[in-house]
C-alpha atoms as a PDB file:
ATOM      1  CA  MET A   1      47.709  24.084 -49.020  1.00  0.00           C
ATOM      2  CA  THR A   2      44.662  23.022 -47.025  1.00  0.00           C
ATOM      3  CA  THR A   3      44.378  23.623 -43.322  1.00  0.00           C
ATOM      4  CA  VAL A   4      43.287  20.988 -40.801  1.00  0.00           C
ATOM      5  CA  PRO A   5      40.765  22.190 -38.198  1.00  0.00           C
ATOM      6  CA  ASP A   6      41.926  21.875 -34.643  1.00  0.00           C
ATOM      7  CA  ALA A   7      40.145  19.840 -31.950  1.00  0.00           C
ATOM      8  CA  THR A   8      38.208  22.830 -30.668  1.00  0.00           C
ATOM      9  CA  ASP A   9      36.739  23.626 -34.066  1.00  0.00           C
ATOM     10  CA  ALA A  10      35.838  19.989 -34.584  1.00  0.00           C
ATOM     11  CA  SER A  11      34.041  19.769 -31.301  1.00  0.00           C
ATOM     12  CA  ASP A  12      32.110  22.946 -32.055  1.00  0.00           C
ATOM     13  CA  ALA A  13      31.029  21.585 -35.416  1.00  0.00           C
ATOM     14  CA  THR A  14      29.956  18.150 -34.336  1.00  0.00           C
ATOM     15  CA  GLY A  15      28.938  18.775 -30.729  1.00  0.00           C
ATOM     16  CA  PRO A  16      30.678  17.876 -27.496  1.00  0.00           C
ATOM     17  CA  THR A  17      32.987  14.918 -27.537  1.00  0.00           C
ATOM     18  CA  VAL A  18      32.239  11.949 -25.337  1.00  0.00           C
ATOM     19  CA  GLY A  19      34.858   9.808 -23.690  1.00  0.00           C
ATOM     20  CA  GLY A  20      37.652  12.346 -23.695  1.00  0.00           C
ATOM     21  CA  ALA A  21      39.948  13.008 -20.818  1.00  0.00           C
ATOM     22  CA  ASP A  22      37.894  15.949 -19.561  1.00  0.00           C
ATOM     23  CA  SER A  23      34.457  14.482 -20.200  1.00  0.00           C
ATOM     24  CA  GLU A  24      32.284  13.052 -17.451  1.00  0.00           C
ATOM     25  CA  PRO A  25      30.213   9.906 -17.902  1.00  0.00           C
ATOM     26  CA  PHE A  26      26.497  10.447 -18.192  1.00  0.00           C
ATOM     27  CA  PRO A  27      24.571   9.191 -15.171  1.00  0.00           C
ATOM     28  CA  GLU A  28      22.337   6.215 -15.582  1.00  0.00           C
ATOM     29  CA  PRO A  29      18.657   7.297 -15.789  1.00  0.00           C
ATOM     30  CA  PHE A  30      17.551   4.255 -13.792  1.00  0.00           C
ATOM     31  CA  PRO A  31      20.329   3.151 -11.462  1.00  0.00           C
ATOM     32  CA  GLU A  32      20.377  -0.475 -10.508  1.00  0.00           C
ATOM     33  CA  PRO A  33      19.536  -1.306  -6.893  1.00  0.00           C
ATOM     34  CA  SER A  34      22.054  -2.815  -4.569  1.00  0.00           C
ATOM     35  CA  GLN A  35      22.593  -6.527  -4.747  1.00  0.00           C
ATOM     36  CA  GLY A  36      19.823  -8.434  -3.071  1.00  0.00           C
ATOM     37  CA  GLY A  37      17.289  -5.640  -3.655  1.00  0.00           C
ATOM     38  CA  SER A  38      14.002  -6.282  -5.398  1.00  0.00           C
ATOM     39  CA  LEU A  39      13.146  -2.904  -6.900  1.00  0.00           C
ATOM     40  CA  ARG A  40      12.639  -3.020 -10.657  1.00  0.00           C
ATOM     41  CA  LEU A  41      10.374  -1.345 -13.121  1.00  0.00           C
ATOM     42  CA  PRO A  42       6.702  -2.246 -12.483  1.00  0.00           C
ATOM     43  CA  LEU A  43       4.959  -4.963 -14.433  1.00  0.00           C
ATOM     44  CA  SER A  44       2.711  -4.038 -17.301  1.00  0.00           C
ATOM     45  CA  PRO A  45      -1.048  -4.177 -16.629  1.00  0.00           C
ATOM     46  CA  THR A  46      -1.209  -7.242 -18.867  1.00  0.00           C
ATOM     47  CA  GLY A  47       1.457  -8.997 -16.817  1.00  0.00           C
ATOM     48  CA  ALA A  48      -0.278  -8.030 -13.596  1.00  0.00           C
ATOM     49  CA  ASP A  49      -3.662  -9.429 -14.579  1.00  0.00           C
ATOM     50  CA  ARG A  50      -2.878 -13.009 -13.760  1.00  0.00           C
ATOM     51  CA  VAL A  51      -4.266 -15.501 -11.312  1.00  0.00           C
ATOM     52  CA  ARG A  52      -1.690 -15.820  -8.530  1.00  0.00           C
ATOM     53  CA  PRO A  53      -2.185 -19.300  -7.025  1.00  0.00           C
ATOM     54  CA  VAL A  54       0.273 -18.769  -4.177  1.00  0.00           C
ATOM     55  CA  THR A  55      -1.486 -15.555  -3.163  1.00  0.00           C
ATOM     56  CA  ILE A  56      -4.872 -17.232  -3.250  1.00  0.00           C
ATOM     57  CA  GLY A  57      -3.585 -20.153  -1.209  1.00  0.00           C
ATOM     58  CA  SER A  58      -1.990 -17.785   1.306  1.00  0.00           C
ATOM     59  CA  VAL A  59      -5.284 -15.938   1.804  1.00  0.00           C
ATOM     60  CA  VAL A  60      -7.221 -19.168   2.298  1.00  0.00           C
ATOM     61  CA  VAL A  61      -4.705 -20.566   4.792  1.00  0.00           C
ATOM     62  CA  ALA A  62      -4.307 -17.319   6.734  1.00  0.00           C
ATOM     63  CA  ALA A  63      -8.014 -16.476   6.896  1.00  0.00           C
ATOM     64  CA  GLY A  64      -8.982 -20.065   7.651  1.00  0.00           C
ATOM     65  CA  GLY A  65      -6.342 -20.362  10.357  1.00  0.00           C
ATOM     66  CA  LEU A  66      -7.490 -17.215  12.146  1.00  0.00           C
ATOM     67  CA  ALA A  67     -11.151 -18.219  11.872  1.00  0.00           C
ATOM     68  CA  VAL A  68     -10.462 -21.667  13.351  1.00  0.00           C
ATOM     69  CA  ALA A  69      -8.303 -20.145  16.094  1.00  0.00           C
ATOM     70  CA  THR A  70     -11.301 -18.173  17.396  1.00  0.00           C
ATOM     71  CA  ALA A  71     -12.796 -21.436  18.664  1.00  0.00           C
ATOM     72  CA  GLY A  72     -10.026 -21.619  21.274  1.00  0.00           C
ATOM     73  CA  GLY A  73     -10.362 -18.043  22.492  1.00  0.00           C
ATOM     74  CA  PHE A  74      -7.850 -15.247  22.859  1.00  0.00           C
ATOM     75  CA  TRP A  75      -4.531 -17.089  23.078  1.00  0.00           C
ATOM     76  CA  PRO A  76      -4.914 -19.250  19.937  1.00  0.00           C
ATOM     77  CA  VAL A  77      -5.823 -16.109  18.006  1.00  0.00           C
ATOM     78  CA  LEU A  78      -2.738 -14.342  19.354  1.00  0.00           C
ATOM     79  CA  VAL A  79      -0.450 -17.247  18.429  1.00  0.00           C
ATOM     80  CA  ALA A  80      -1.952 -17.579  14.943  1.00  0.00           C
ATOM     81  CA  THR A  81      -1.582 -13.844  14.362  1.00  0.00           C
ATOM     82  CA  LEU A  82       2.017 -13.879  15.535  1.00  0.00           C
ATOM     83  CA  VAL A  83       2.856 -16.714  13.147  1.00  0.00           C
ATOM     84  CA  LEU A  84       1.291 -14.830  10.241  1.00  0.00           C
ATOM     85  CA  CYS A  85       3.187 -11.666  11.183  1.00  0.00           C
ATOM     86  CA  LEU A  86       6.450 -13.584  11.188  1.00  0.00           C
ATOM     87  CA  VAL A  87       5.622 -14.981   7.743  1.00  0.00           C
ATOM     88  CA  LEU A  88       4.930 -11.433   6.582  1.00  0.00           C
ATOM     89  CA  ALA A  89       8.257 -10.281   8.038  1.00  0.00           C
ATOM     90  CA  TRP A  90      10.019 -12.916   5.935  1.00  0.00           C
ATOM     91  CA  SER A  91       8.177 -12.210   2.692  1.00  0.00           C
ATOM     92  CA  TRP A  92       7.308  -8.510   2.750  1.00  0.00           C
ATOM     93  CA  PRO A  93      10.753  -6.878   2.150  1.00  0.00           C
ATOM     94  CA  VAL A  94      10.934  -8.377  -1.332  1.00  0.00           C
ATOM     95  CA  LEU A  95       7.454  -7.174  -2.270  1.00  0.00           C
ATOM     96  CA  GLY A  96       7.922  -3.803  -0.608  1.00  0.00           C
ATOM     97  CA  GLY A  97      10.973  -3.015  -2.746  1.00  0.00           C
ATOM     98  CA  SER A  98      13.603  -2.880  -0.012  1.00  0.00           C
ATOM     99  CA  HIS A  99      17.187  -2.439  -1.252  1.00  0.00           C
ATOM    100  CA  THR A 100      18.371  -4.348   1.827  1.00  0.00           C
ATOM    101  CA  PRO A 101      15.757  -7.106   2.210  1.00  0.00           C
ATOM    102  CA  GLY A 102      17.846  -9.041   4.729  1.00  0.00           C
ATOM    103  CA  THR A 103      18.105  -6.111   7.123  1.00  0.00           C
ATOM    104  CA  THR A 104      14.442  -5.223   6.663  1.00  0.00           C
ATOM    105  CA  THR A 105      13.480  -8.817   7.446  1.00  0.00           C
ATOM    106  CA  VAL A 106      15.429  -8.715  10.715  1.00  0.00           C
ATOM    107  CA  VAL A 107      13.763  -5.431  11.668  1.00  0.00           C
ATOM    108  CA  LEU A 108      10.281  -6.823  11.025  1.00  0.00           C
ATOM    109  CA  LEU A 109      11.056 -10.101  12.805  1.00  0.00           C
ATOM    110  CA  ILE A 110      11.968  -8.132  15.933  1.00  0.00           C
ATOM    111  CA  ALA A 111       9.040  -5.740  15.657  1.00  0.00           C
ATOM    112  CA  ALA A 112       6.395  -8.420  15.007  1.00  0.00           C
ATOM    113  CA  PRO A 113       6.277 -10.022  18.491  1.00  0.00           C
ATOM    114  CA  ALA A 114       6.718  -6.621  20.139  1.00  0.00           C
ATOM    115  CA  ILE A 115       3.623  -5.323  18.358  1.00  0.00           C
ATOM    116  CA  VAL A 116       1.432  -8.418  18.669  1.00  0.00           C
ATOM    117  CA  PHE A 117       2.048  -8.907  22.392  1.00  0.00           C
ATOM    118  CA  THR A 118       0.808  -5.396  23.127  1.00  0.00           C
ATOM    119  CA  SER A 119      -2.666  -6.881  22.646  1.00  0.00           C
ATOM    120  CA  LEU A 120      -2.298  -8.302  26.165  1.00  0.00           C
ATOM    121  CA  SER A 121      -3.156  -4.813  27.398  1.00  0.00           C
ATOM    122  CA  ASP A 122      -6.884  -4.111  27.217  1.00  0.00           C
ATOM    123  CA  ASP A 123      -6.411  -0.500  26.150  1.00  0.00           C
ATOM    124  CA  LEU A 124      -3.592  -1.234  23.680  1.00  0.00           C
ATOM    125  CA  ARG A 125      -1.532   1.470  25.361  1.00  0.00           C
ATOM    126  CA  TRP A 126       1.774  -0.015  24.206  1.00  0.00           C
ATOM    127  CA  THR A 127       0.858  -0.669  20.581  1.00  0.00           C
ATOM    128  CA  ALA A 128       1.950   2.755  19.369  1.00  0.00           C
ATOM    129  CA  ALA A 129       5.219   2.404  21.282  1.00  0.00           C
ATOM    130  CA  ALA A 130       5.883  -0.992  19.671  1.00  0.00           C
ATOM    131  CA  VAL A 131       5.261   0.430  16.208  1.00  0.00           C
ATOM    132  CA  ALA A 132       7.588   3.322  17.049  1.00  0.00           C
ATOM    133  CA  LEU A 133      10.215   0.745  18.026  1.00  0.00           C
ATOM    134  CA  GLY A 134       9.898  -0.782  14.585  1.00  0.00           C
ATOM    135  CA  VAL A 135      10.361   2.643  13.000  1.00  0.00           C
ATOM    136  CA  VAL A 136      13.494   3.295  15.066  1.00  0.00           C
ATOM    137  CA  LEU A 137      14.900  -0.120  14.182  1.00  0.00           C
ATOM    138  CA  SER A 138      14.272   0.626  10.513  1.00  0.00           C
ATOM    139  CA  PHE A 139      16.511   3.689  10.726  1.00  0.00           C
ATOM    140  CA  MET A 140      19.143   1.896  12.781  1.00  0.00           C
ATOM    141  CA  GLY A 141      19.298  -0.863  10.220  1.00  0.00           C
ATOM    142  CA  GLN A 142      20.263   1.694   7.589  1.00  0.00           C
ATOM    143  CA  LEU A 143      23.050   3.102   9.738  1.00  0.00           C
ATOM    144  CA  ILE A 144      25.003  -0.146   9.536  1.00  0.00           C
ATOM    145  CA  ARG A 145      24.713  -0.468   5.759  1.00  0.00           C
ATOM    146  CA  LYS A 146      27.990  -1.027   3.938  1.00  0.00           C
ATOM    147  CA  THR A 147      26.587  -0.431   0.455  1.00  0.00           C
ATOM    148  CA  GLY A 148      25.930   3.286   0.727  1.00  0.00           C
ATOM    149  CA  ARG A 149      22.538   4.932   0.971  1.00  0.00           C
ATOM    150  CA  GLN A 150      21.133   3.945  -2.380  1.00  0.00           C
ATOM    151  CA  GLY A 151      17.361   3.508  -2.209  1.00  0.00           C
ATOM    152  CA  LEU A 152      17.243   4.752   1.384  1.00  0.00           C
ATOM    153  CA  VAL A 153      13.763   6.242   1.243  1.00  0.00           C
ATOM    154  CA  LEU A 154      12.235   3.263  -0.543  1.00  0.00           C
ATOM    155  CA  THR A 155      13.868   0.875   1.905  1.00  0.00           C
ATOM    156  CA  LEU A 156      12.487   2.783   4.881  1.00  0.00           C
ATOM    157  CA  LEU A 157       9.048   2.867   3.294  1.00  0.00           C
ATOM    158  CA  ALA A 158       9.255  -0.886   2.802  1.00  0.00           C
ATOM    159  CA  SER A 159       9.901  -1.312   6.523  1.00  0.00           C
ATOM    160  CA  PHE A 160       7.072   1.020   7.484  1.00  0.00           C
ATOM    161  CA  GLY A 161       4.713  -0.763   5.089  1.00  0.00           C
ATOM    162  CA  GLY A 162       5.359  -4.061   6.840  1.00  0.00           C
ATOM    163  CA  LEU A 163       4.541  -2.574  10.239  1.00  0.00           C
ATOM    164  CA  VAL A 164       1.057  -1.435   9.178  1.00  0.00           C
ATOM    165  CA  PRO A 165      -0.557  -4.900   8.694  1.00  0.00           C
ATOM    166  CA  MET A 166       1.031  -6.091  11.944  1.00  0.00           C
ATOM    167  CA  ALA A 167      -0.471  -3.207  13.903  1.00  0.00           C
ATOM    168  CA  SER A 168      -3.850  -3.713  12.252  1.00  0.00           C
ATOM    169  CA  ALA A 169      -3.832  -7.425  13.065  1.00  0.00           C
ATOM    170  CA  THR A 170      -2.987  -6.625  16.697  1.00  0.00           C
ATOM    171  CA  LEU A 171      -6.250  -4.686  16.959  1.00  0.00           C
ATOM    172  CA  ALA A 172      -8.128  -7.831  15.928  1.00  0.00           C
ATOM    173  CA  VAL A 173      -6.282  -9.889  18.541  1.00  0.00           C
ATOM    174  CA  ALA A 174      -7.349  -7.457  21.260  1.00  0.00           C
ATOM    175  CA  SER A 175     -10.963  -7.766  20.100  1.00  0.00           C
ATOM    176  CA  ALA A 176     -10.799 -11.574  20.291  1.00  0.00           C
ATOM    177  CA  ASP A 177     -10.936 -11.351  24.082  1.00  0.00           C
ATOM    178  CA  VAL A 178     -14.748 -11.072  23.933  1.00  0.00           C
ATOM    179  CA  PRO A 179     -17.265 -13.370  22.134  1.00  0.00           C
ATOM    180  CA  ARG A 180     -18.602 -10.585  19.940  1.00  0.00           C
ATOM    181  CA  GLY A 181     -15.081  -9.714  18.822  1.00  0.00           C
ATOM    182  CA  ARG A 182     -14.384 -13.334  17.869  1.00  0.00           C
ATOM    183  CA  ALA A 183     -17.627 -13.430  15.880  1.00  0.00           C
ATOM    184  CA  HIS A 184     -16.600 -10.286  14.023  1.00  0.00           C
ATOM    185  CA  LEU A 185     -13.219 -11.867  13.343  1.00  0.00           C
ATOM    186  CA  VAL A 186     -14.824 -14.956  11.771  1.00  0.00           C
ATOM    187  CA  LEU A 187     -17.065 -12.804   9.571  1.00  0.00           C
ATOM    188  CA  THR A 188     -14.105 -10.661   8.541  1.00  0.00           C
ATOM    189  CA  MET A 189     -12.030 -13.669   7.573  1.00  0.00           C
ATOM    190  CA  SER A 190     -14.981 -15.120   5.646  1.00  0.00           C
ATOM    191  CA  ALA A 191     -15.373 -11.870   3.733  1.00  0.00           C
ATOM    192  CA  ALA A 192     -11.651 -11.662   2.947  1.00  0.00           C
ATOM    193  CA  ALA A 193     -11.629 -15.216   1.644  1.00  0.00           C
ATOM    194  CA  ALA A 194     -14.821 -14.753  -0.391  1.00  0.00           C
ATOM    195  CA  ALA A 195     -13.381 -11.649  -2.060  1.00  0.00           C
ATOM    196  CA  LEU A 196     -10.913 -13.978  -3.799  1.00  0.00           C
ATOM    197  CA  VAL A 197     -13.614 -14.524  -6.412  1.00  0.00           C
ATOM    198  CA  ALA A 198     -12.476 -11.248  -7.982  1.00  0.00           C
ATOM    199  CA  ASP A 199      -8.889 -12.535  -8.079  1.00  0.00           C
ATOM    200  CA  LEU A 200     -10.025 -15.627  -9.950  1.00  0.00           C
ATOM    201  CA  LEU A 201     -11.810 -13.515 -12.569  1.00  0.00           C
ATOM    202  CA  VAL A 202      -8.917 -11.141 -13.189  1.00  0.00           C
ATOM    203  CA  ARG A 203      -8.279 -12.569 -16.677  1.00  0.00           C
ATOM    204  CA  LYS A 204     -11.790 -11.661 -17.834  1.00  0.00           C
ATOM    205  CA  ARG A 205     -11.147  -8.385 -19.647  1.00  0.00           C
ATOM    206  CA  GLN A 206     -14.800  -7.446 -19.829  1.00  0.00           C
ATOM    207  CA  LEU A 207     -15.082  -7.673 -16.032  1.00  0.00           C
ATOM    208  CA  ALA A 208     -11.977  -5.591 -15.290  1.00  0.00           C
ATOM    209  CA  PRO A 209     -13.899  -2.364 -14.476  1.00  0.00           C
ATOM    210  CA  PHE A 210     -16.212  -4.263 -12.139  1.00  0.00           C
ATOM    211  CA  LEU A 211     -13.765  -6.420 -10.174  1.00  0.00           C
ATOM    212  CA  GLY A 212     -14.094  -4.209  -7.096  1.00  0.00           C
ATOM    213  CA  LEU A 213     -17.864  -4.642  -7.171  1.00  0.00           C
ATOM    214  CA  VAL A 214     -17.468  -8.390  -7.652  1.00  0.00           C
ATOM    215  CA  ALA A 215     -15.191  -8.552  -4.599  1.00  0.00           C
ATOM    216  CA  LEU A 216     -17.696  -6.521  -2.563  1.00  0.00           C
ATOM    217  CA  VAL A 217     -20.685  -8.688  -3.468  1.00  0.00           C
ATOM    218  CA  ALA A 218     -18.760 -11.921  -2.895  1.00  0.00           C
ATOM    219  CA  ALA A 219     -17.486 -10.676   0.481  1.00  0.00           C
ATOM    220  CA  ILE A 220     -21.002  -9.752   1.622  1.00  0.00           C
ATOM    221  CA  ALA A 221     -22.314 -13.159   0.551  1.00  0.00           C
ATOM    222  CA  GLY A 222     -19.539 -14.951   2.407  1.00  0.00           C
ATOM    223  CA  ALA A 223     -20.051 -12.949   5.584  1.00  0.00           C
ATOM    224  CA  LEU A 224     -23.827 -13.450   5.546  1.00  0.00           C
ATOM    225  CA  ILE A 225     -23.365 -17.199   5.243  1.00  0.00           C
ATOM    226  CA  ALA A 226     -20.928 -17.204   8.167  1.00  0.00           C
ATOM    227  CA  GLY A 227     -23.251 -14.911  10.124  1.00  0.00           C
ATOM    228  CA  TRP A 228     -25.901 -17.623  10.326  1.00  0.00           C
ATOM    229  CA  PHE A 229     -23.778 -19.315  12.980  1.00  0.00           C
ATOM    230  CA  PHE A 230     -23.536 -16.275  15.259  1.00  0.00           C
ATOM    231  CA  ASP A 231     -26.450 -14.773  17.143  1.00  0.00           C
ATOM    232  CA  GLU A 232     -24.336 -11.849  18.378  1.00  0.00           C
ATOM    233  CA  ILE A 233     -24.226 -10.134  14.986  1.00  0.00           C
ATOM    234  CA  GLY A 234     -27.219  -8.874  13.038  1.00  0.00           C
ATOM    235  CA  GLY A 235     -27.620  -8.923   9.289  1.00  0.00           C
ATOM    236  CA  TRP A 236     -26.791  -5.264   8.696  1.00  0.00           C
ATOM    237  CA  ALA A 237     -23.735  -5.493  10.922  1.00  0.00           C
ATOM    238  CA  ALA A 238     -22.543  -8.481   8.911  1.00  0.00           C
ATOM    239  CA  VAL A 239     -22.990  -6.495   5.700  1.00  0.00           C
ATOM    240  CA  GLY A 240     -20.948  -3.631   7.126  1.00  0.00           C
ATOM    241  CA  VAL A 241     -18.137  -5.916   8.267  1.00  0.00           C
ATOM    242  CA  ALA A 242     -18.082  -7.669   4.908  1.00  0.00           C
ATOM    243  CA  ALA A 243     -18.085  -4.450   2.910  1.00  0.00           C
ATOM    244  CA  GLY A 244     -15.134  -3.056   4.839  1.00  0.00           C
ATOM    245  CA  ALA A 245     -13.097  -6.244   5.053  1.00  0.00           C
ATOM    246  CA  GLY A 246     -13.731  -7.507   1.531  1.00  0.00           C
ATOM    247  CA  SER A 247     -12.986  -4.179  -0.147  1.00  0.00           C
ATOM    248  CA  LEU A 248      -9.857  -3.546   1.930  1.00  0.00           C
ATOM    249  CA  SER A 249      -8.460  -7.042   1.447  1.00  0.00           C
ATOM    250  CA  TRP A 250      -9.019  -7.057  -2.312  1.00  0.00           C
ATOM    251  CA  SER A 251      -7.684  -3.513  -2.724  1.00  0.00           C
ATOM    252  CA  TRP A 252      -4.471  -4.468  -0.918  1.00  0.00           C
ATOM    253  CA  ARG A 253      -3.800  -7.277  -3.377  1.00  0.00           C
ATOM    254  CA  ARG A 254      -4.863  -5.234  -6.384  1.00  0.00           C
ATOM    255  CA  VAL A 255      -2.561  -2.337  -5.554  1.00  0.00           C
ATOM    256  CA  LEU A 256       0.411  -4.683  -5.229  1.00  0.00           C
ATOM    257  CA  ALA A 257      -0.368  -6.600  -8.425  1.00  0.00           C
ATOM    258  CA  LEU A 258       2.081  -4.506 -10.465  1.00  0.00           C
ATOM    259  CA  GLN A 259       5.032  -5.218  -8.179  1.00  0.00           C
ATOM    260  CA  PRO A 260       7.698  -7.323  -9.944  1.00  0.00           C
ATOM    261  CA  ALA A 261       8.054  -9.504  -6.846  1.00  0.00           C
ATOM    262  CA  MET A 262       4.569 -10.868  -7.583  1.00  0.00           C
ATOM    263  CA  LEU A 263       6.294 -13.121 -10.104  1.00  0.00           C
ATOM    264  CA  GLY A 264       7.922 -15.007  -7.210  1.00  0.00           C
ATOM    265  CA  VAL A 265       6.671 -17.030  -4.276  1.00  0.00           C
ATOM    266  CA  ARG A 266       7.726 -14.618  -1.508  1.00  0.00           C
ATOM    267  CA  GLY A 267       5.979 -11.701  -3.140  1.00  0.00           C
ATOM    268  CA  GLN A 268       2.743 -13.621  -3.570  1.00  0.00           C
ATOM    269  CA  VAL A 269       2.852 -14.855   0.019  1.00  0.00           C
ATOM    270  CA  ALA A 270       3.343 -11.293   1.266  1.00  0.00           C
ATOM    271  CA  ALA A 271       0.409 -10.017  -0.775  1.00  0.00           C
ATOM    272  CA  GLY A 272      -1.871 -12.791   0.455  1.00  0.00           C
ATOM    273  CA  VAL A 273      -0.940 -12.753   4.137  1.00  0.00           C
ATOM    274  CA  GLY A 274      -0.838  -8.957   4.224  1.00  0.00           C
ATOM    275  CA  SER A 275      -4.336  -8.701   2.748  1.00  0.00           C
ATOM    276  CA  VAL A 276      -5.637 -10.821   5.646  1.00  0.00           C
ATOM    277  CA  LEU A 277      -3.758  -9.055   8.441  1.00  0.00           C
ATOM    278  CA  ILE A 278      -4.670  -5.573   7.193  1.00  0.00           C
ATOM    279  CA  VAL A 279      -8.401  -6.103   7.864  1.00  0.00           C
ATOM    280  CA  GLY A 280      -7.847  -6.402  11.613  1.00  0.00           C
ATOM    281  CA  VAL A 281      -8.792  -2.745  12.029  1.00  0.00           C
ATOM    282  CA  VAL A 282     -12.267  -3.585  10.667  1.00  0.00           C
ATOM    283  CA  VAL A 283     -12.731  -6.171  13.415  1.00  0.00           C
ATOM    284  CA  HIS A 284     -11.746  -3.712  16.104  1.00  0.00           C
ATOM    285  CA  ILE A 285     -13.930  -0.877  14.840  1.00  0.00           C
ATOM    286  CA  PHE A 286     -17.100  -2.960  14.666  1.00  0.00           C
ATOM    287  CA  THR A 287     -16.395  -4.618  18.006  1.00  0.00           C
ATOM    288  CA  VAL A 288     -15.938  -1.276  19.734  1.00  0.00           C
ATOM    289  CA  VAL A 289     -18.935   0.357  18.048  1.00  0.00           C
ATOM    290  CA  SER A 290     -21.242  -2.543  18.822  1.00  0.00           C
END
């Protein structure tokens, strides 16, 4: 008479059983984000190396708008910057990977005017306080979440990432109160727009290691051409402005190229507008130094 092994012996022979009454389900290695979130696995380098027409158009419109606004003085520059910051507040949460893009958008929409209007003070004494307000609002927005705390850190980082270009752009607005600052702003916007040449050549595999250099050379050329119309800025100063602005603007877009949201319109708008606003610190540095 043959014996039948019991359940314990069977489990020892074949390994632990799955799906039994006492077993626990294995956790998912990559949990899905909450509904409405945009975080997914990054794009492959091949998928990232594409010409993004919406991003290119956003850079041209944003840089051109700020450059034209300098002709009217301080207030047109402030209004143009505020509009761009509000556009960034709408588009950035998707690109930044927020798990609650709606809440992050509200936070950035409130923080944007608070930050930009601190440029009315000559010493920018309230800018840090306005950025701190945005940080506090980012945390408060997470306190009212009804979907748990999934992706909390990434959501907060998405909010903080949107505040950085706004603060940088505010520095440029403050510099637009003087003629030399407005001249630096025009050269910076020219350099940022000229650096798009590297974006247009992104499909050229043989140029991939040299795209940063291409962006730098194109930015310097664009700034030198724009510098012919301004007596306040010398040739070497124009080269310095172009090198800083062109490299920073292109690097911003390049770093974000692997984000899945770059496949959509909002993500491309955020990358383009953000790459223009982020160079405001270059305007302020050269205006103060000169």
